[in-house]
PDB file of N, CA and C in Angstrom:
ATOM      1  N   MET A   1     -83.736-135.999 -50.846  1.00  0.00           N
ATOM      2  CA  MET A   1     -83.578-134.495 -50.329  1.00  0.00           C
ATOM      3  C   MET A   1     -84.763-133.863 -49.939  1.00  0.00           C
ATOM      4  N   ALA A   2     -85.952-134.467 -50.165  1.00  0.00           N
ATOM      5  CA  ALA A   2     -87.131-133.607 -49.835  1.00  0.00           C
ATOM      6  C   ALA A   2     -87.088-133.953 -49.042  1.00  0.00           C
ATOM      7  N   ASN A   3     -87.140-135.373 -48.422  1.00  0.00           N
ATOM      8  CA  ASN A   3     -87.151-135.228 -47.034  1.00  0.00           C
ATOM      9  C   ASN A   3     -86.476-134.844 -45.801  1.00  0.00           C
ATOM     10  N   GLY A   4     -85.048-134.410 -46.047  1.00  0.00           N
ATOM     11  CA  GLY A   4     -83.994-133.508 -45.559  1.00  0.00           C
ATOM     12  C   GLY A   4     -84.878-132.056 -45.389  1.00  0.00           C
ATOM     13  N   THR A   5     -85.271-131.599 -46.236  1.00  0.00           N
ATOM     14  CA  THR A   5     -86.155-130.229 -45.987  1.00  0.00           C
ATOM     15  C   THR A   5     -87.220-130.289 -45.604  1.00  0.00           C
ATOM     16  N   SER A   6     -87.989-131.115 -45.663  1.00  0.00           N
ATOM     17  CA  SER A   6     -88.949-131.589 -44.712  1.00  0.00           C
ATOM     18  C   SER A   6     -88.601-131.319 -43.080  1.00  0.00           C
ATOM     19  N   THR A   7     -87.419-132.208 -42.718  1.00  0.00           N
ATOM     20  CA  THR A   7     -87.104-132.150 -41.073  1.00  0.00           C
ATOM     21  C   THR A   7     -86.481-130.912 -41.131  1.00  0.00           C
ATOM     22  N   SER A   8     -85.726-130.146 -41.766  1.00  0.00           N
ATOM     23  CA  SER A   8     -85.419-128.903 -41.569  1.00  0.00           C
ATOM     24  C   SER A   8     -86.694-127.898 -41.553  1.00  0.00           C
ATOM     25  N   ARG A   9     -87.993-128.070 -41.896  1.00  0.00           N
ATOM     26  CA  ARG A   9     -88.918-126.978 -42.062  1.00  0.00           C
ATOM     27  C   ARG A   9     -89.138-127.328 -40.704  1.00  0.00           C
ATOM     28  N   LYS A  10     -89.563-128.747 -40.277  1.00  0.00           N
ATOM     29  CA  LYS A  10     -90.132-129.207 -39.139  1.00  0.00           C
ATOM     30  C   LYS A  10     -89.538-128.562 -37.836  1.00  0.00           C
ATOM     31  N   LEU A  11     -88.357-128.681 -37.982  1.00  0.00           N
ATOM     32  CA  LEU A  11     -87.373-128.145 -36.698  1.00  0.00           C
ATOM     33  C   LEU A  11     -87.307-126.567 -37.233  1.00  0.00           C
ATOM     34  N   LEU A  12     -87.471-126.152 -38.078  1.00  0.00           N
ATOM     35  CA  LEU A  12     -87.056-124.603 -37.888  1.00  0.00           C
ATOM     36  C   LEU A  12     -88.937-123.939 -37.036  1.00  0.00           C
ATOM     37  N   THR A  13     -90.157-125.156 -37.694  1.00  0.00           N
ATOM     38  CA  THR A  13     -91.063-124.500 -37.024  1.00  0.00           C
ATOM     39  C   THR A  13     -91.518-124.701 -35.391  1.00  0.00           C
ATOM     40  N   VAL A  14     -90.979-125.795 -34.983  1.00  0.00           N
ATOM     41  CA  VAL A  14     -90.547-126.248 -33.394  1.00  0.00           C
ATOM     42  C   VAL A  14     -90.219-124.864 -32.800  1.00  0.00           C
ATOM     43  N   TYR A  15     -88.842-124.606 -33.382  1.00  0.00           N
ATOM     44  CA  TYR A  15     -87.687-123.517 -32.939  1.00  0.00           C
ATOM     45  C   TYR A  15     -88.738-122.104 -32.778  1.00  0.00           C
ATOM     46  N   LEU A  16     -89.282-121.767 -33.790  1.00  0.00           N
ATOM     47  CA  LEU A  16     -90.166-120.324 -33.876  1.00  0.00           C
ATOM     48  C   LEU A  16     -91.132-120.500 -32.884  1.00  0.00           C
ATOM     49  N   ASP A  17     -91.944-121.692 -32.811  1.00  0.00           N
ATOM     50  CA  ASP A  17     -92.966-121.515 -32.350  1.00  0.00           C
ATOM     51  C   ASP A  17     -92.513-121.562 -30.519  1.00  0.00           C
ATOM     52  N   GLN A  18     -91.379-121.797 -30.120  1.00  0.00           N
ATOM     53  CA  GLN A  18     -90.414-121.841 -29.210  1.00  0.00           C
ATOM     54  C   GLN A  18     -90.177-120.353 -28.550  1.00  0.00           C
ATOM     55  N   ILE A  19     -89.837-119.781 -29.504  1.00  0.00           N
ATOM     56  CA  ILE A  19     -89.503-118.278 -29.507  1.00  0.00           C
ATOM     57  C   ILE A  19     -90.524-117.394 -28.896  1.00  0.00           C
ATOM     58  N   ALA A  20     -91.566-117.960 -30.253  1.00  0.00           N
ATOM     59  CA  ALA A  20     -92.749-116.796 -30.020  1.00  0.00           C
ATOM     60  C   ALA A  20     -93.719-117.164 -28.463  1.00  0.00           C
ATOM     61  N   GLN A  21     -93.468-118.386 -27.818  1.00  0.00           N
ATOM     62  CA  GLN A  21     -93.785-118.747 -26.870  1.00  0.00           C
ATOM     63  C   GLN A  21     -93.396-117.805 -25.094  1.00  0.00           C
ATOM     64  N   ARG A  22     -91.852-117.734 -26.118  1.00  0.00           N
ATOM     65  CA  ARG A  22     -91.001-117.177 -24.628  1.00  0.00           C
ATOM     66  C   ARG A  22     -90.939-115.681 -24.981  1.00  0.00           C
ATOM     67  N   ILE A  23     -91.697-115.249 -25.665  1.00  0.00           N
ATOM     68  CA  ILE A  23     -91.496-113.752 -26.042  1.00  0.00           C
ATOM     69  C   ILE A  23     -93.115-113.277 -25.647  1.00  0.00           C
ATOM     70  N   GLN A  24     -94.215-114.406 -25.497  1.00  0.00           N
ATOM     71  CA  GLN A  24     -95.226-114.196 -25.187  1.00  0.00           C
ATOM     72  C   GLN A  24     -95.356-114.289 -23.334  1.00  0.00           C
ATOM     73  N   GLU A  25     -94.729-114.897 -23.301  1.00  0.00           N
ATOM     74  CA  GLU A  25     -94.515-115.477 -21.535  1.00  0.00           C
ATOM     75  C   GLU A  25     -93.942-114.268 -21.200  1.00  0.00           C
ATOM     76  N   THR A  26     -92.879-113.537 -21.592  1.00  0.00           N
ATOM     77  CA  THR A  26     -91.840-112.357 -21.055  1.00  0.00           C
ATOM     78  C   THR A  26     -92.533-111.333 -21.154  1.00  0.00           C
ATOM     79  N   TYR A  27     -92.459-110.630 -22.489  1.00  0.00           N
ATOM     80  CA  TYR A  27     -93.321-109.466 -23.082  1.00  0.00           C
ATOM     81  C   TYR A  27     -94.856-109.459 -22.738  1.00  0.00           C
ATOM     82  N   GLY A  28     -95.776-110.403 -22.552  1.00  0.00           N
ATOM     83  CA  GLY A  28     -97.048-110.399 -23.002  1.00  0.00           C
ATOM     84  C   GLY A  28     -97.508-109.914 -24.656  1.00  0.00           C
ATOM     85  N   VAL A  29     -96.834-110.311 -25.384  1.00  0.00           N
ATOM     86  CA  VAL A  29     -97.394-109.871 -26.845  1.00  0.00           C
ATOM     87  C   VAL A  29     -97.250-111.176 -27.705  1.00  0.00           C
ATOM     88  N   ASN A  30     -98.001-111.384 -28.429  1.00  0.00           N
ATOM     89  CA  ASN A  30     -97.799-112.526 -29.186  1.00  0.00           C
ATOM     90  C   ASN A  30     -97.352-112.130 -30.596  1.00  0.00           C
ATOM     91  N   ILE A  31     -96.535-112.644 -31.294  1.00  0.00           N
ATOM     92  CA  ILE A  31     -96.004-112.744 -32.425  1.00  0.00           C
ATOM     93  C   ILE A  31     -96.208-113.798 -33.320  1.00  0.00           C
ATOM     94  N   TRP A  32     -96.266-114.046 -34.704  1.00  0.00           N
ATOM     95  CA  TRP A  32     -95.759-115.239 -35.507  1.00  0.00           C
ATOM     96  C   TRP A  32     -95.214-114.953 -36.804  1.00  0.00           C
ATOM     97  N   PHE A  33     -94.506-115.563 -36.869  1.00  0.00           N
ATOM     98  CA  PHE A  33     -93.414-115.784 -38.007  1.00  0.00           C
ATOM     99  C   PHE A  33     -94.264-115.981 -39.482  1.00  0.00           C
ATOM    100  N   ALA A  34     -93.779-115.621 -40.312  1.00  0.00           N
ATOM    101  CA  ALA A  34     -94.224-115.681 -41.650  1.00  0.00           C
ATOM    102  C   ALA A  34     -92.918-115.597 -43.003  1.00  0.00           C
ATOM    103  N   GLU A  35     -93.244-116.540 -43.797  1.00  0.00           N
ATOM    104  CA  GLU A  35     -92.249-116.977 -44.952  1.00  0.00           C
ATOM    105  C   GLU A  35     -92.561-115.600 -46.267  1.00  0.00           C
ATOM    106  N   ILE A  36     -91.404-114.556 -46.337  1.00  0.00           N
ATOM    107  CA  ILE A  36     -92.146-113.677 -47.291  1.00  0.00           C
ATOM    108  C   ILE A  36     -92.200-113.988 -48.938  1.00  0.00           C
ATOM    109  N   MET A  37     -93.306-114.099 -49.795  1.00  0.00           N
ATOM    110  CA  MET A  37     -93.085-114.593 -50.800  1.00  0.00           C
ATOM    111  C   MET A  37     -93.948-113.424 -51.519  1.00  0.00           C
ATOM    112  N   GLY A  38     -93.138-112.266 -51.869  1.00  0.00           N
ATOM    113  CA  GLY A  38     -93.293-110.988 -52.707  1.00  0.00           C
ATOM    114  C   GLY A  38     -94.079-109.824 -52.006  1.00  0.00           C
ATOM    115  N   ARG A  39     -95.457-110.053 -51.824  1.00  0.00           N
ATOM    116  CA  ARG A  39     -95.766-109.238 -51.247  1.00  0.00           C
ATOM    117  C   ARG A  39     -96.910-109.731 -49.981  1.00  0.00           C
ATOM    118  N   ARG A  40     -96.847-111.258 -50.256  1.00  0.00           N
ATOM    119  CA  ARG A  40     -97.735-112.171 -49.684  1.00  0.00           C
ATOM    120  C   ARG A  40     -96.735-112.420 -48.102  1.00  0.00           C
ATOM    121  N   TRP A  41     -97.498-112.651 -47.120  1.00  0.00           N
ATOM    122  CA  TRP A  41     -96.354-112.910 -45.735  1.00  0.00           C
ATOM    123  C   TRP A  41     -97.478-114.395 -45.656  1.00  0.00           C
ATOM    124  N   SER A  42     -97.177-115.432 -45.277  1.00  0.00           N
ATOM    125  CA  SER A  42     -97.978-116.720 -45.091  1.00  0.00           C
ATOM    126  C   SER A  42     -97.296-117.382 -44.036  1.00  0.00           C
ATOM    127  N   TYR A  43     -98.125-117.291 -42.672  1.00  0.00           N
ATOM    128  CA  TYR A  43     -98.149-117.621 -41.604  1.00  0.00           C
ATOM    129  C   TYR A  43     -97.566-119.329 -41.527  1.00  0.00           C
ATOM    130  N   ILE A  44     -96.226-119.372 -41.137  1.00  0.00           N
ATOM    131  CA  ILE A  44     -95.538-120.601 -40.380  1.00  0.00           C
ATOM    132  C   ILE A  44     -95.669-121.071 -39.028  1.00  0.00           C
ATOM    133  N   ALA A  45     -95.174-120.384 -38.257  1.00  0.00           N
ATOM    134  CA  ALA A  45     -95.496-120.752 -36.970  1.00  0.00           C
ATOM    135  C   ALA A  45     -95.706-119.088 -35.917  1.00  0.00           C
ATOM    136  N   GLY A  46     -95.677-119.703 -34.396  1.00  0.00           N
ATOM    137  CA  GLY A  46     -95.850-118.798 -33.605  1.00  0.00           C
ATOM    138  C   GLY A  46     -97.593-118.749 -33.355  1.00  0.00           C
ATOM    139  N   ARG A  47     -97.369-117.387 -32.268  1.00  0.00           N
ATOM    140  CA  ARG A  47     -98.867-117.344 -31.354  1.00  0.00           C
ATOM    141  C   ARG A  47     -99.788-116.428 -32.087  1.00  0.00           C
ATOM    142  N   LYS A  48    -100.871-116.395 -32.763  1.00  0.00           N
ATOM    143  CA  LYS A  48    -102.015-115.336 -32.996  1.00  0.00           C
ATOM    144  C   LYS A  48    -102.587-115.440 -31.740  1.00  0.00           C
ATOM    145  N   GLU A  49    -103.134-114.091 -31.919  1.00  0.00           N
ATOM    146  CA  GLU A  49    -104.014-113.621 -30.912  1.00  0.00           C
ATOM    147  C   GLU A  49    -105.572-114.292 -30.942  1.00  0.00           C
ATOM    148  N   GLU A  50    -106.278-114.767 -29.744  1.00  0.00           N
ATOM    149  CA  GLU A  50    -107.561-115.078 -30.086  1.00  0.00           C
ATOM    150  C   GLU A  50    -108.612-113.861 -30.405  1.00  0.00           C
ATOM    151  N   GLU A  51    -108.321-112.909 -30.160  1.00  0.00           N
ATOM    152  CA  GLU A  51    -108.791-111.639 -30.080  1.00  0.00           C
ATOM    153  C   GLU A  51    -108.230-111.120 -30.954  1.00  0.00           C
ATOM    154  N   PRO A  52    -108.181-110.289 -32.273  1.00  0.00           N
ATOM    155  CA  PRO A  52    -107.470-109.523 -33.025  1.00  0.00           C
ATOM    156  C   PRO A  52    -107.337-107.889 -32.204  1.00  0.00           C
ATOM    157  N   SER A  53    -106.381-106.904 -32.560  1.00  0.00           N
ATOM    158  CA  SER A  53    -106.407-106.069 -31.763  1.00  0.00           C
ATOM    159  C   SER A  53    -106.951-105.015 -33.057  1.00  0.00           C
ATOM    160  N   LEU A  54    -107.256-103.948 -32.103  1.00  0.00           N
ATOM    161  CA  LEU A  54    -108.022-102.745 -33.354  1.00  0.00           C
ATOM    162  C   LEU A  54    -106.737-102.048 -34.062  1.00  0.00           C
ATOM    163  N   LEU A  55    -105.371-101.965 -34.086  1.00  0.00           N
ATOM    164  CA  LEU A  55    -104.727-101.860 -34.824  1.00  0.00           C
ATOM    165  C   LEU A  55    -104.223-102.772 -35.867  1.00  0.00           C
ATOM    166  N   PRO A  56    -103.569-102.139 -36.394  1.00  0.00           N
ATOM    167  CA  PRO A  56    -103.041-103.294 -37.657  1.00  0.00           C
ATOM    168  C   PRO A  56    -101.774-103.995 -37.436  1.00  0.00           C
ATOM    169  N   PRO A  57    -101.685-104.814 -37.546  1.00  0.00           N
ATOM    170  CA  PRO A  57    -100.641-105.273 -37.170  1.00  0.00           C
ATOM    171  C   PRO A  57     -98.983-104.857 -37.824  1.00  0.00           C
ATOM    172  N   ARG A  58     -98.066-105.091 -37.106  1.00  0.00           N
ATOM    173  CA  ARG A  58     -96.751-104.849 -37.603  1.00  0.00           C
ATOM    174  C   ARG A  58     -96.158-105.609 -38.123  1.00  0.00           C
ATOM    175  N   ARG A  59     -95.307-105.623 -39.165  1.00  0.00           N
ATOM    176  CA  ARG A  59     -94.630-106.309 -40.089  1.00  0.00           C
ATOM    177  C   ARG A  59     -93.484-105.922 -39.697  1.00  0.00           C
ATOM    178  N   ILE A  60     -92.198-107.046 -39.476  1.00  0.00           N
ATOM    179  CA  ILE A  60     -91.032-106.862 -39.151  1.00  0.00           C
ATOM    180  C   ILE A  60     -90.134-107.711 -40.320  1.00  0.00           C
ATOM    181  N   GLU A  61     -89.464-107.515 -40.931  1.00  0.00           N
ATOM    182  CA  GLU A  61     -88.741-108.059 -42.063  1.00  0.00           C
ATOM    183  C   GLU A  61     -87.503-108.907 -41.496  1.00  0.00           C
ATOM    184  N   LEU A  62     -87.063-110.027 -41.370  1.00  0.00           N
ATOM    185  CA  LEU A  62     -85.595-110.491 -40.376  1.00  0.00           C
ATOM    186  C   LEU A  62     -84.485-110.509 -41.381  1.00  0.00           C
ATOM    187  N   THR A  63     -85.443-111.498 -42.747  1.00  0.00           N
ATOM    188  CA  THR A  63     -84.336-111.609 -43.775  1.00  0.00           C
ATOM    189  C   THR A  63     -85.333-111.352 -45.374  1.00  0.00           C
ATOM    190  N   GLY A  64     -85.067-111.639 -46.376  1.00  0.00           N
ATOM    191  CA  GLY A  64     -85.662-111.450 -47.592  1.00  0.00           C
ATOM    192  C   GLY A  64     -86.564-112.600 -47.660  1.00  0.00           C
ATOM    193  N   ARG A  65     -86.405-113.589 -46.477  1.00  0.00           N
ATOM    194  CA  ARG A  65     -87.732-115.190 -46.993  1.00  0.00           C
ATOM    195  C   ARG A  65     -88.218-114.994 -45.706  1.00  0.00           C
ATOM    196  N   PHE A  66     -87.910-114.311 -44.627  1.00  0.00           N
ATOM    197  CA  PHE A  66     -88.938-114.368 -43.036  1.00  0.00           C
ATOM    198  C   PHE A  66     -88.761-113.385 -42.503  1.00  0.00           C
ATOM    199  N   GLY A  67     -90.218-112.784 -42.010  1.00  0.00           N
ATOM    200  CA  GLY A  67     -90.792-111.919 -41.257  1.00  0.00           C
ATOM    201  C   GLY A  67     -91.437-112.163 -39.895  1.00  0.00           C
ATOM    202  N   ILE A  68     -91.405-111.351 -39.284  1.00  0.00           N
ATOM    203  CA  ILE A  68     -92.508-111.683 -37.987  1.00  0.00           C
ATOM    204  C   ILE A  68     -93.526-110.502 -37.952  1.00  0.00           C
ATOM    205  N   VAL A  69     -94.520-110.757 -37.620  1.00  0.00           N
ATOM    206  CA  VAL A  69     -95.776-109.909 -37.447  1.00  0.00           C
ATOM    207  C   VAL A  69     -96.693-109.656 -36.336  1.00  0.00           C
ATOM    208  N   SER A  70     -96.563-109.197 -35.444  1.00  0.00           N
ATOM    209  CA  SER A  70     -97.164-108.699 -34.307  1.00  0.00           C
ATOM    210  C   SER A  70     -98.586-107.364 -33.832  1.00  0.00           C
ATOM    211  N   ASP A  71     -99.336-107.534 -33.253  1.00  0.00           N
ATOM    212  CA  ASP A  71    -100.214-106.512 -33.352  1.00  0.00           C
ATOM    213  C   ASP A  71     -99.783-106.381 -31.986  1.00  0.00           C
ATOM    214  N   GLY A  72     -99.007-106.400 -31.046  1.00  0.00           N
ATOM    215  CA  GLY A  72     -98.181-105.650 -29.556  1.00  0.00           C
ATOM    216  C   GLY A  72     -97.142-105.236 -29.857  1.00  0.00           C
ATOM    217  N   TRP A  73     -95.948-105.384 -30.668  1.00  0.00           N
ATOM    218  CA  TRP A  73     -94.693-104.912 -30.692  1.00  0.00           C
ATOM    219  C   TRP A  73     -94.260-103.641 -29.907  1.00  0.00           C
ATOM    220  N   GLU A  74     -95.093-102.620 -30.368  1.00  0.00           N
ATOM    221  CA  GLU A  74     -95.069-101.189 -29.664  1.00  0.00           C
ATOM    222  C   GLU A  74     -94.931-101.649 -28.252  1.00  0.00           C
ATOM    223  N   ASN A  75     -95.434-102.798 -27.524  1.00  0.00           N
ATOM    224  CA  ASN A  75     -95.331-102.897 -25.911  1.00  0.00           C
ATOM    225  C   ASN A  75     -93.865-103.289 -25.472  1.00  0.00           C
ATOM    226  N   ILE A  76     -93.031-103.596 -26.464  1.00  0.00           N
ATOM    227  CA  ILE A  76     -91.774-104.350 -26.052  1.00  0.00           C
ATOM    228  C   ILE A  76     -90.851-102.407 -26.183  1.00  0.00           C
ATOM    229  N   GLN A  77     -89.808-102.409 -24.967  1.00  0.00           N
ATOM    230  CA  GLN A  77     -89.481-101.360 -25.277  1.00  0.00           C
ATOM    231  C   GLN A  77     -88.511-101.185 -26.359  1.00  0.00           C
ATOM    232  N   ALA A  78     -88.137-100.021 -27.163  1.00  0.00           N
ATOM    233  CA  ALA A  78     -87.405 -99.967 -28.507  1.00  0.00           C
ATOM    234  C   ALA A  78     -85.839-100.743 -28.109  1.00  0.00           C
ATOM    235  N   ASP A  79     -84.923-100.430 -26.976  1.00  0.00           N
ATOM    236  CA  ASP A  79     -83.921-101.006 -26.840  1.00  0.00           C
ATOM    237  C   ASP A  79     -83.995-102.786 -26.770  1.00  0.00           C
ATOM    238  N   GLU A  80     -85.028-103.515 -26.447  1.00  0.00           N
ATOM    239  CA  GLU A  80     -85.272-104.321 -26.161  1.00  0.00           C
ATOM    240  C   GLU A  80     -86.093-105.289 -27.560  1.00  0.00           C
ATOM    241  N   SER A  81     -86.761-104.734 -28.272  1.00  0.00           N
ATOM    242  CA  SER A  81     -87.059-105.011 -29.472  1.00  0.00           C
ATOM    243  C   SER A  81     -85.729-105.117 -30.364  1.00  0.00           C
ATOM    244  N   GLU A  82     -85.171-104.081 -30.508  1.00  0.00           N
ATOM    245  CA  GLU A  82     -83.895-104.187 -31.182  1.00  0.00           C
ATOM    246  C   GLU A  82     -83.070-105.227 -31.087  1.00  0.00           C
ATOM    247  N   ILE A  83     -82.850-106.041 -29.948  1.00  0.00           N
ATOM    248  CA  ILE A  83     -82.238-107.128 -29.585  1.00  0.00           C
ATOM    249  C   ILE A  83     -82.370-108.351 -30.013  1.00  0.00           C
ATOM    250  N   ILE A  84     -84.000-108.244 -29.994  1.00  0.00           N
ATOM    251  CA  ILE A  84     -84.956-109.450 -30.055  1.00  0.00           C
ATOM    252  C   ILE A  84     -84.797-109.600 -31.648  1.00  0.00           C
ATOM    253  N   VAL A  85     -84.858-108.607 -32.339  1.00  0.00           N
ATOM    254  CA  VAL A  85     -84.907-108.461 -34.044  1.00  0.00           C
ATOM    255  C   VAL A  85     -83.319-109.233 -34.366  1.00  0.00           C
ATOM    256  N   SER A  86     -82.436-108.529 -33.779  1.00  0.00           N
ATOM    257  CA  SER A  86     -80.970-109.105 -33.827  1.00  0.00           C
ATOM    258  C   SER A  86     -80.874-110.251 -33.731  1.00  0.00           C
ATOM    259  N   LEU A  87     -81.551-110.870 -32.772  1.00  0.00           N
ATOM    260  CA  LEU A  87     -81.182-112.210 -32.464  1.00  0.00           C
ATOM    261  C   LEU A  87     -81.863-112.900 -33.476  1.00  0.00           C
ATOM    262  N   LEU A  88     -83.190-113.165 -33.622  1.00  0.00           N
ATOM    263  CA  LEU A  88     -83.795-113.600 -34.507  1.00  0.00           C
ATOM    264  C   LEU A  88     -83.512-113.428 -35.981  1.00  0.00           C
ATOM    265  N   ARG A  89     -82.743-112.301 -36.297  1.00  0.00           N
ATOM    266  CA  ARG A  89     -81.725-112.479 -37.740  1.00  0.00           C
ATOM    267  C   ARG A  89     -80.983-113.473 -37.847  1.00  0.00           C
ATOM    268  N   GLU A  90     -80.234-113.596 -36.801  1.00  0.00           N
ATOM    269  CA  GLU A  90     -79.276-114.417 -36.674  1.00  0.00           C
ATOM    270  C   GLU A  90     -79.616-115.644 -36.725  1.00  0.00           C
ATOM    271  N   ALA A  91     -80.680-116.324 -35.851  1.00  0.00           N
ATOM    272  CA  ALA A  91     -81.283-117.292 -35.892  1.00  0.00           C
ATOM    273  C   ALA A  91     -81.631-118.181 -36.652  1.00  0.00           C
ATOM    274  N   ILE A  92     -82.653-116.726 -37.970  1.00  0.00           N
ATOM    275  CA  ILE A  92     -83.086-117.363 -38.934  1.00  0.00           C
ATOM    276  C   ILE A  92     -82.385-117.971 -39.939  1.00  0.00           C
ATOM    277  N   LYS A  93     -80.845-116.751 -39.974  1.00  0.00           N
ATOM    278  CA  LYS A  93     -80.105-117.551 -41.063  1.00  0.00           C
ATOM    279  C   LYS A  93     -79.573-118.335 -40.926  1.00  0.00           C
ATOM    280  N   ALA A  94     -79.269-119.213 -39.739  1.00  0.00           N
ATOM    281  CA  ALA A  94     -78.900-120.596 -39.598  1.00  0.00           C
ATOM    282  C   ALA A  94     -79.826-121.523 -40.681  1.00  0.00           C
ATOM    283  N   TYR A  95     -80.904-121.173 -40.503  1.00  0.00           N
ATOM    284  CA  TYR A  95     -82.259-122.184 -41.008  1.00  0.00           C
ATOM    285  C   TYR A  95     -82.207-121.909 -43.005  1.00  0.00           C
ATOM    286  N   GLU A  96     -81.454-120.616 -43.196  1.00  0.00           N
ATOM    287  CA  GLU A  96     -81.450-120.549 -44.812  1.00  0.00           C
ATOM    288  C   GLU A  96     -80.482-120.862 -45.378  1.00  0.00           C
TER     289      GLU A  96
END
């Protein structure tokens, strides 16, 4: 049973890394995915900037368990960011 969970987690991590890379290539925005554990958001996949922004990162909850963090999310147009968040929510639910 634990092995199945580990394989599922690896697949999720690879998938999320691919999504983060595509968002970076398309919008020039780095995002990383986090598992939400109470007040703590723990990194699981994605792309962190080499040089941190002066602005605080934005947290977006996708589900009760997963979210994204980005310090450039405001560079994506509002209508497109809403679509991205909606698609990510649906994709993450498949892994929960």
